[in-house]
Amino acid sequence: CSDIKSGKDAATIKKNTKARFEGGTVPSLT
């Protein structure tokens, strides 16, 4: 949400989201 509110572009938001949620119980995301 912070990325969204700061006005980052959609590709960056998606890339950051993928990096934040991957790992542990979710080794990789599409």
Full PDB file with SEQRES, HELIX, SHEET, SSBOND, CRYST1, ORIGX, SCALE, CONECT and MASTER records, all heavy atoms in Angstrom:
SEQRES   1 A   30  CYS SER ASP ILE LYS SER GLY LYS ASP ALA ALA THR ILE          
SEQRES   2 A   30  LYS LYS ASN THR LYS ALA ARG PHE GLU GLY GLY THR VAL          
SEQRES   3 A   30  PRO SER LEU THR                                              
HELIX    1 AA1 SER A    2  LYS A    5  1                                   4    
HELIX    2 AA2 ALA A   10  PHE A   21  1                                  12    
CRYST1    1.000    1.000    1.000  90.00  90.00  90.00 P 1           1          
ORIGX1      1.000000  0.000000  0.000000        0.00000                         
ORIGX2      0.000000  1.000000  0.000000        0.00000                         
ORIGX3      0.000000  0.000000  1.000000        0.00000                         
SCALE1      1.000000  0.000000  0.000000        0.00000                         
SCALE2      0.000000  1.000000  0.000000        0.00000                         
SCALE3      0.000000  0.000000  1.000000        0.00000                         
ATOM      1  N   CYS A   1       0.835  -1.199   0.000  1.00  0.00           N  
ATOM      2  CA  CYS A   1       0.000   0.000   0.000  1.00  0.00           C  
ATOM      3  C   CYS A   1       0.873   1.254   0.000  1.00  0.00           C  
ATOM      4  O   CYS A   1       0.566   2.237  -0.685  1.00  0.00           O  
ATOM      5  CB  CYS A   1      -0.942  -0.002   1.196  1.00  0.00           C  
ATOM      6  SG  CYS A   1      -2.085   1.391   1.217  1.00  0.00           S  
ATOM      7  N   SER A   2       1.955   1.218   0.730  1.00  0.00           N  
ATOM      8  CA  SER A   2       2.878   2.341   0.767  1.00  0.00           C  
ATOM      9  C   SER A   2       3.435   2.622  -0.625  1.00  0.00           C  
ATOM     10  O   SER A   2       3.543   3.779  -1.039  1.00  0.00           O  
ATOM     11  CB  SER A   2       4.012   2.038   1.744  1.00  0.00           C  
ATOM     12  OG  SER A   2       4.959   3.063   1.758  1.00  0.00           O  
ATOM     13  N   ASP A   3       3.787   1.572  -1.356  1.00  0.00           N  
ATOM     14  CA  ASP A   3       4.263   1.740  -2.736  1.00  0.00           C  
ATOM     15  C   ASP A   3       3.184   2.376  -3.602  1.00  0.00           C  
ATOM     16  O   ASP A   3       3.457   3.257  -4.411  1.00  0.00           O  
ATOM     17  CB  ASP A   3       4.673   0.395  -3.343  1.00  0.00           C  
ATOM     18  CG  ASP A   3       6.029  -0.098  -2.870  1.00  0.00           C  
ATOM     19  OD1 ASP A   3       6.729   0.659  -2.158  1.00  0.00           O  
ATOM     20  OD2 ASP A   3       6.395  -1.241  -3.213  1.00  0.00           O  
ATOM     21  N   ILE A   4       1.955   1.913  -3.433  1.00  0.00           N  
ATOM     22  CA  ILE A   4       0.836   2.430  -4.217  1.00  0.00           C  
ATOM     23  C   ILE A   4       0.634   3.911  -3.909  1.00  0.00           C  
ATOM     24  O   ILE A   4       0.541   4.746  -4.808  1.00  0.00           O  
ATOM     25  CB  ILE A   4      -0.453   1.630  -3.944  1.00  0.00           C  
ATOM     26  CG1 ILE A   4      -0.297   0.194  -4.437  1.00  0.00           C  
ATOM     27  CG2 ILE A   4      -1.662   2.297  -4.577  1.00  0.00           C  
ATOM     28  CD1 ILE A   4      -1.363  -0.769  -3.924  1.00  0.00           C  
ATOM     29  N   LYS A   5       0.591   4.256  -2.623  1.00  0.00           N  
ATOM     30  CA  LYS A   5       0.348   5.633  -2.200  1.00  0.00           C  
ATOM     31  C   LYS A   5       1.477   6.574  -2.616  1.00  0.00           C  
ATOM     32  O   LYS A   5       1.256   7.762  -2.819  1.00  0.00           O  
ATOM     33  CB  LYS A   5       0.162   5.715  -0.681  1.00  0.00           C  
ATOM     34  CG  LYS A   5      -1.075   5.016  -0.175  1.00  0.00           C  
ATOM     35  CD  LYS A   5      -2.281   5.846  -0.426  1.00  0.00           C  
ATOM     36  CE  LYS A   5      -3.488   5.221   0.269  1.00  0.00           C  
ATOM     37  NZ  LYS A   5      -4.685   5.977   0.035  1.00  0.00           N  
ATOM     38  N   SER A   6       2.697   6.042  -2.731  1.00  0.00           N  
ATOM     39  CA  SER A   6       3.828   6.895  -3.099  1.00  0.00           C  
ATOM     40  C   SER A   6       3.889   7.146  -4.601  1.00  0.00           C  
ATOM     41  O   SER A   6       4.736   7.900  -5.062  1.00  0.00           O  
ATOM     42  CB  SER A   6       5.142   6.291  -2.604  1.00  0.00           C  
ATOM     43  OG  SER A   6       5.440   5.104  -3.303  1.00  0.00           O  
ATOM     44  N   GLY A   7       2.988   6.513  -5.358  1.00  0.00           N  
ATOM     45  CA  GLY A   7       2.915   6.780  -6.790  1.00  0.00           C  
ATOM     46  C   GLY A   7       3.907   6.007  -7.636  1.00  0.00           C  
ATOM     47  O   GLY A   7       4.202   6.404  -8.756  1.00  0.00           O  
ATOM     48  N   LYS A   8       4.411   4.900  -7.123  1.00  0.00           N  
ATOM     49  CA  LYS A   8       5.325   4.089  -7.913  1.00  0.00           C  
ATOM     50  C   LYS A   8       4.571   3.476  -9.089  1.00  0.00           C  
ATOM     51  O   LYS A   8       3.367   3.242  -9.010  1.00  0.00           O  
ATOM     52  CB  LYS A   8       5.960   2.995  -7.049  1.00  0.00           C  
ATOM     53  CG  LYS A   8       6.886   3.559  -6.003  1.00  0.00           C  
ATOM     54  CD  LYS A   8       7.554   2.480  -5.188  1.00  0.00           C  
ATOM     55  CE  LYS A   8       8.462   3.122  -4.147  1.00  0.00           C  
ATOM     56  NZ  LYS A   8       9.090   2.132  -3.288  1.00  0.00           N  
ATOM     57  N   ASP A   9       5.314   3.216 -10.167  1.00  0.00           N  
ATOM     58  CA  ASP A   9       4.666   2.644 -11.342  1.00  0.00           C  
ATOM     59  C   ASP A   9       4.266   1.192 -11.077  1.00  0.00           C  
ATOM     60  O   ASP A   9       4.798   0.532 -10.180  1.00  0.00           O  
ATOM     61  CB  ASP A   9       5.579   2.740 -12.569  1.00  0.00           C  
ATOM     62  CG  ASP A   9       6.856   1.932 -12.405  1.00  0.00           C  
ATOM     63  OD1 ASP A   9       7.796   2.433 -11.752  1.00  0.00           O  
ATOM     64  OD2 ASP A   9       6.909   0.801 -12.917  1.00  0.00           O  
ATOM     65  N   ALA A  10       3.315   0.706 -11.859  1.00  0.00           N  
ATOM     66  CA  ALA A  10       2.727  -0.621 -11.646  1.00  0.00           C  
ATOM     67  C   ALA A  10       3.772  -1.733 -11.692  1.00  0.00           C  
ATOM     68  O   ALA A  10       3.717  -2.679 -10.905  1.00  0.00           O  
ATOM     69  CB  ALA A  10       1.625  -0.880 -12.674  1.00  0.00           C  
ATOM     70  N   ALA A  11       4.734  -1.636 -12.611  1.00  0.00           N  
ATOM     71  CA  ALA A  11       5.764  -2.676 -12.720  1.00  0.00           C  
ATOM     72  C   ALA A  11       6.614  -2.742 -11.455  1.00  0.00           C  
ATOM     73  O   ALA A  11       6.942  -3.836 -10.971  1.00  0.00           O  
ATOM     74  CB  ALA A  11       6.640  -2.424 -13.944  1.00  0.00           C  
ATOM     75  N   THR A  12       6.965  -1.593 -10.904  1.00  0.00           N  
ATOM     76  CA  THR A  12       7.764  -1.549  -9.673  1.00  0.00           C  
ATOM     77  C   THR A  12       6.966  -2.097  -8.503  1.00  0.00           C  
ATOM     78  O   THR A  12       7.493  -2.859  -7.686  1.00  0.00           O  
ATOM     79  CB  THR A  12       8.228  -0.113  -9.381  1.00  0.00           C  
ATOM     80  OG1 THR A  12       9.018   0.341 -10.486  1.00  0.00           O  
ATOM     81  CG2 THR A  12       9.032  -0.033  -8.100  1.00  0.00           C  
ATOM     82  N   ILE A  13       5.703  -1.722  -8.415  1.00  0.00           N  
ATOM     83  CA  ILE A  13       4.854  -2.212  -7.329  1.00  0.00           C  
ATOM     84  C   ILE A  13       4.756  -3.728  -7.397  1.00  0.00           C  
ATOM     85  O   ILE A  13       4.902  -4.418  -6.377  1.00  0.00           O  
ATOM     86  CB  ILE A  13       3.453  -1.563  -7.390  1.00  0.00           C  
ATOM     87  CG1 ILE A  13       3.558  -0.068  -7.102  1.00  0.00           C  
ATOM     88  CG2 ILE A  13       2.500  -2.241  -6.405  1.00  0.00           C  
ATOM     89  CD1 ILE A  13       2.285   0.709  -7.380  1.00  0.00           C  
ATOM     90  N   LYS A  14       4.550  -4.267  -8.585  1.00  0.00           N  
ATOM     91  CA  LYS A  14       4.433  -5.720  -8.748  1.00  0.00           C  
ATOM     92  C   LYS A  14       5.753  -6.409  -8.399  1.00  0.00           C  
ATOM     93  O   LYS A  14       5.763  -7.420  -7.701  1.00  0.00           O  
ATOM     94  CB  LYS A  14       3.997  -6.055 -10.178  1.00  0.00           C  
ATOM     95  CG  LYS A  14       3.720  -7.534 -10.392  1.00  0.00           C  
ATOM     96  CD  LYS A  14       3.008  -7.828 -11.697  1.00  0.00           C  
ATOM     97  CE  LYS A  14       3.825  -7.473 -12.891  1.00  0.00           C  
ATOM     98  NZ  LYS A  14       3.251  -7.938 -14.155  1.00  0.00           N  
ATOM     99  N   LYS A  15       6.874  -5.842  -8.849  1.00  0.00           N  
ATOM    100  CA  LYS A  15       8.186  -6.427  -8.557  1.00  0.00           C  
ATOM    101  C   LYS A  15       8.461  -6.414  -7.056  1.00  0.00           C  
ATOM    102  O   LYS A  15       8.903  -7.409  -6.475  1.00  0.00           O  
ATOM    103  CB  LYS A  15       9.279  -5.658  -9.306  1.00  0.00           C  
ATOM    104  CG  LYS A  15      10.681  -6.206  -9.089  1.00  0.00           C  
ATOM    105  CD  LYS A  15      11.710  -5.347  -9.761  1.00  0.00           C  
ATOM    106  CE  LYS A  15      11.932  -4.193  -8.872  1.00  0.00           C  
ATOM    107  NZ  LYS A  15      13.042  -3.418  -8.798  1.00  0.00           N  
ATOM    108  N   ASN A  16       8.180  -5.281  -6.406  1.00  0.00           N  
ATOM    109  CA  ASN A  16       8.387  -5.175  -4.955  1.00  0.00           C  
ATOM    110  C   ASN A  16       7.476  -6.137  -4.190  1.00  0.00           C  
ATOM    111  O   ASN A  16       7.884  -6.743  -3.197  1.00  0.00           O  
ATOM    112  CB  ASN A  16       8.144  -3.747  -4.472  1.00  0.00           C  
ATOM    113  CG  ASN A  16       9.206  -2.780  -4.942  1.00  0.00           C  
ATOM    114  OD1 ASN A  16      10.240  -3.175  -5.473  1.00  0.00           O  
ATOM    115  ND2 ASN A  16       8.947  -1.500  -4.771  1.00  0.00           N  
ATOM    116  N   THR A  17       6.237  -6.251  -4.650  1.00  0.00           N  
ATOM    117  CA  THR A  17       5.282  -7.158  -4.008  1.00  0.00           C  
ATOM    118  C   THR A  17       5.781  -8.595  -4.089  1.00  0.00           C  
ATOM    119  O   THR A  17       5.754  -9.339  -3.100  1.00  0.00           O  
ATOM    120  CB  THR A  17       3.895  -7.036  -4.671  1.00  0.00           C  
ATOM    121  OG1 THR A  17       3.435  -5.699  -4.497  1.00  0.00           O  
ATOM    122  CG2 THR A  17       2.901  -8.008  -4.069  1.00  0.00           C  
ATOM    123  N   LYS A  18       6.238  -8.973  -5.255  1.00  0.00           N  
ATOM    124  CA  LYS A  18       6.750 -10.336  -5.448  1.00  0.00           C  
ATOM    125  C   LYS A  18       7.929 -10.591  -4.499  1.00  0.00           C  
ATOM    126  O   LYS A  18       7.980 -11.626  -3.833  1.00  0.00           O  
ATOM    127  CB  LYS A  18       7.181 -10.504  -6.907  1.00  0.00           C  
ATOM    128  CG  LYS A  18       7.470 -11.910  -7.319  1.00  0.00           C  
ATOM    129  CD  LYS A  18       7.720 -11.971  -8.824  1.00  0.00           C  
ATOM    130  CE  LYS A  18       7.983 -13.386  -9.264  1.00  0.00           C  
ATOM    131  NZ  LYS A  18       8.226 -13.481 -10.693  1.00  0.00           N  
ATOM    132  N   ALA A  19       8.832  -9.629  -4.400  1.00  0.00           N  
ATOM    133  CA  ALA A  19       9.996  -9.782  -3.518  1.00  0.00           C  
ATOM    134  C   ALA A  19       9.586  -9.851  -2.048  1.00  0.00           C  
ATOM    135  O   ALA A  19      10.162 -10.614  -1.271  1.00  0.00           O  
ATOM    136  CB  ALA A  19      10.970  -8.625  -3.736  1.00  0.00           C  
ATOM    137  N   ARG A  20       8.578  -9.077  -1.665  1.00  0.00           N  
ATOM    138  CA  ARG A  20       8.139  -9.067  -0.263  1.00  0.00           C  
ATOM    139  C   ARG A  20       7.487 -10.373   0.157  1.00  0.00           C  
ATOM    140  O   ARG A  20       7.654 -10.827   1.276  1.00  0.00           O  
ATOM    141  CB  ARG A  20       7.137  -7.930  -0.048  1.00  0.00           C  
ATOM    142  CG  ARG A  20       7.754  -6.590   0.053  1.00  0.00           C  
ATOM    143  CD  ARG A  20       6.711  -5.529   0.356  1.00  0.00           C  
ATOM    144  NE  ARG A  20       7.351  -4.235   0.426  1.00  0.00           N  
ATOM    145  CZ  ARG A  20       7.163  -3.267  -0.445  1.00  0.00           C  
ATOM    146  NH1 ARG A  20       6.309  -3.417  -1.439  1.00  0.00           N  
ATOM    147  NH2 ARG A  20       7.812  -2.132  -0.318  1.00  0.00           N  
ATOM    148  N   PHE A  21       6.693 -10.952  -0.716  1.00  0.00           N  
ATOM    149  CA  PHE A  21       5.901 -12.112  -0.341  1.00  0.00           C  
ATOM    150  C   PHE A  21       6.572 -13.453  -0.650  1.00  0.00           C  
ATOM    151  O   PHE A  21       6.117 -14.482  -0.171  1.00  0.00           O  
ATOM    152  CB  PHE A  21       4.519 -12.054  -1.010  1.00  0.00           C  
ATOM    153  CG  PHE A  21       3.558 -11.124  -0.323  1.00  0.00           C  
ATOM    154  CD1 PHE A  21       3.497  -9.786  -0.665  1.00  0.00           C  
ATOM    155  CD2 PHE A  21       2.731 -11.578   0.692  1.00  0.00           C  
ATOM    156  CE1 PHE A  21       2.616  -8.918  -0.031  1.00  0.00           C  
ATOM    157  CE2 PHE A  21       1.845 -10.720   1.334  1.00  0.00           C  
ATOM    158  CZ  PHE A  21       1.787  -9.393   0.968  1.00  0.00           C  
ATOM    159  N   GLU A  22       7.637 -13.456  -1.446  1.00  0.00           N  
ATOM    160  CA  GLU A  22       8.329 -14.712  -1.738  1.00  0.00           C  
ATOM    161  C   GLU A  22       9.214 -15.117  -0.571  1.00  0.00           C  
ATOM    162  O   GLU A  22       9.694 -14.282   0.180  1.00  0.00           O  
ATOM    163  CB  GLU A  22       9.195 -14.572  -2.991  1.00  0.00           C  
ATOM    164  CG  GLU A  22       8.421 -14.622  -4.263  1.00  0.00           C  
ATOM    165  CD  GLU A  22       9.315 -14.583  -5.497  1.00  0.00           C  
ATOM    166  OE1 GLU A  22      10.440 -14.063  -5.436  1.00  0.00           O  
ATOM    167  OE2 GLU A  22       8.859 -15.085  -6.538  1.00  0.00           O  
ATOM    168  N   GLY A  23       9.440 -16.420  -0.457  1.00  0.00           N  
ATOM    169  CA  GLY A  23      10.323 -16.946   0.573  1.00  0.00           C  
ATOM    170  C   GLY A  23       9.526 -17.670   1.637  1.00  0.00           C  
ATOM    171  O   GLY A  23       8.312 -17.557   1.718  1.00  0.00           O  
ATOM    172  N   GLY A  24      10.216 -18.441   2.439  1.00  0.00           N  
ATOM    173  CA  GLY A  24       9.541 -19.180   3.515  1.00  0.00           C  
ATOM    174  C   GLY A  24       8.557 -20.185   2.975  1.00  0.00           C  
ATOM    175  O   GLY A  24       8.917 -21.096   2.243  1.00  0.00           O  
ATOM    176  N   THR A  25       7.294 -19.996   3.311  1.00  0.00           N  
ATOM    177  CA  THR A  25       6.267 -20.948   2.894  1.00  0.00           C  
ATOM    178  C   THR A  25       5.877 -20.774   1.428  1.00  0.00           C  
ATOM    179  O   THR A  25       5.178 -21.615   0.884  1.00  0.00           O  
ATOM    180  CB  THR A  25       4.998 -20.799   3.763  1.00  0.00           C  
ATOM    181  OG1 THR A  25       4.538 -19.451   3.671  1.00  0.00           O  
ATOM    182  CG2 THR A  25       5.287 -21.170   5.207  1.00  0.00           C  
ATOM    183  N   VAL A  26       6.319 -19.676   0.805  1.00  0.00           N  
ATOM    184  CA  VAL A  26       6.042 -19.432  -0.612  1.00  0.00           C  
ATOM    185  C   VAL A  26       7.378 -19.165  -1.307  1.00  0.00           C  
ATOM    186  O   VAL A  26       7.815 -18.015  -1.407  1.00  0.00           O  
ATOM    187  CB  VAL A  26       5.088 -18.225  -0.800  1.00  0.00           C  
ATOM    188  CG1 VAL A  26       4.757 -18.036  -2.266  1.00  0.00           C  
ATOM    189  CG2 VAL A  26       3.823 -18.399   0.014  1.00  0.00           C  
ATOM    190  N   PRO A  27       8.027 -20.221  -1.794  1.00  0.00           N  
ATOM    191  CA  PRO A  27       9.353 -20.038  -2.380  1.00  0.00           C  
ATOM    192  C   PRO A  27       9.367 -19.118  -3.607  1.00  0.00           C  
ATOM    193  O   PRO A  27      10.332 -18.403  -3.828  1.00  0.00           O  
ATOM    194  CB  PRO A  27       9.795 -21.440  -2.770  1.00  0.00           C  
ATOM    195  CG  PRO A  27       8.819 -22.375  -2.180  1.00  0.00           C  
ATOM    196  CD  PRO A  27       7.619 -21.605  -1.779  1.00  0.00           C  
ATOM    197  N   SER A  28       8.297 -19.146  -4.390  1.00  0.00           N  
ATOM    198  CA  SER A  28       8.253 -18.272  -5.563  1.00  0.00           C  
ATOM    199  C   SER A  28       6.806 -17.949  -5.921  1.00  0.00           C  
ATOM    200  O   SER A  28       5.887 -18.703  -5.614  1.00  0.00           O  
ATOM    201  CB  SER A  28       8.954 -18.925  -6.755  1.00  0.00           C  
ATOM    202  OG  SER A  28       8.265 -20.088  -7.146  1.00  0.00           O  
ATOM    203  N   LEU A  29       6.651 -16.792  -6.548  1.00  0.00           N  
ATOM    204  CA  LEU A  29       5.342 -16.345  -7.013  1.00  0.00           C  
ATOM    205  C   LEU A  29       5.437 -16.020  -8.497  1.00  0.00           C  
ATOM    206  O   LEU A  29       6.485 -15.584  -8.971  1.00  0.00           O  
ATOM    207  CB  LEU A  29       4.911 -15.073  -6.272  1.00  0.00           C  
ATOM    208  CG  LEU A  29       4.533 -15.199  -4.812  1.00  0.00           C  
ATOM    209  CD1 LEU A  29       4.393 -13.822  -4.182  1.00  0.00           C  
ATOM    210  CD2 LEU A  29       3.224 -15.965  -4.671  1.00  0.00           C  
ATOM    211  N   THR A  30       4.334 -16.194  -9.194  1.00  0.00           N  
ATOM    212  CA  THR A  30       4.283 -15.779 -10.591  1.00  0.00           C  
ATOM    213  C   THR A  30       3.970 -14.289 -10.639  1.00  0.00           C  
ATOM    214  O   THR A  30       3.530 -13.693  -9.643  1.00  0.00           O  
ATOM    215  CB  THR A  30       3.200 -16.559 -11.353  1.00  0.00           C  
ATOM    216  OG1 THR A  30       1.918 -16.191 -10.829  1.00  0.00           O  
ATOM    217  CG2 THR A  30       3.404 -18.068 -11.254  1.00  0.00           C  
TER     218      THR A  30                                                      
MASTER        0    0    0    2    0    0    0    6  217    1    0    3          
END                                                                             
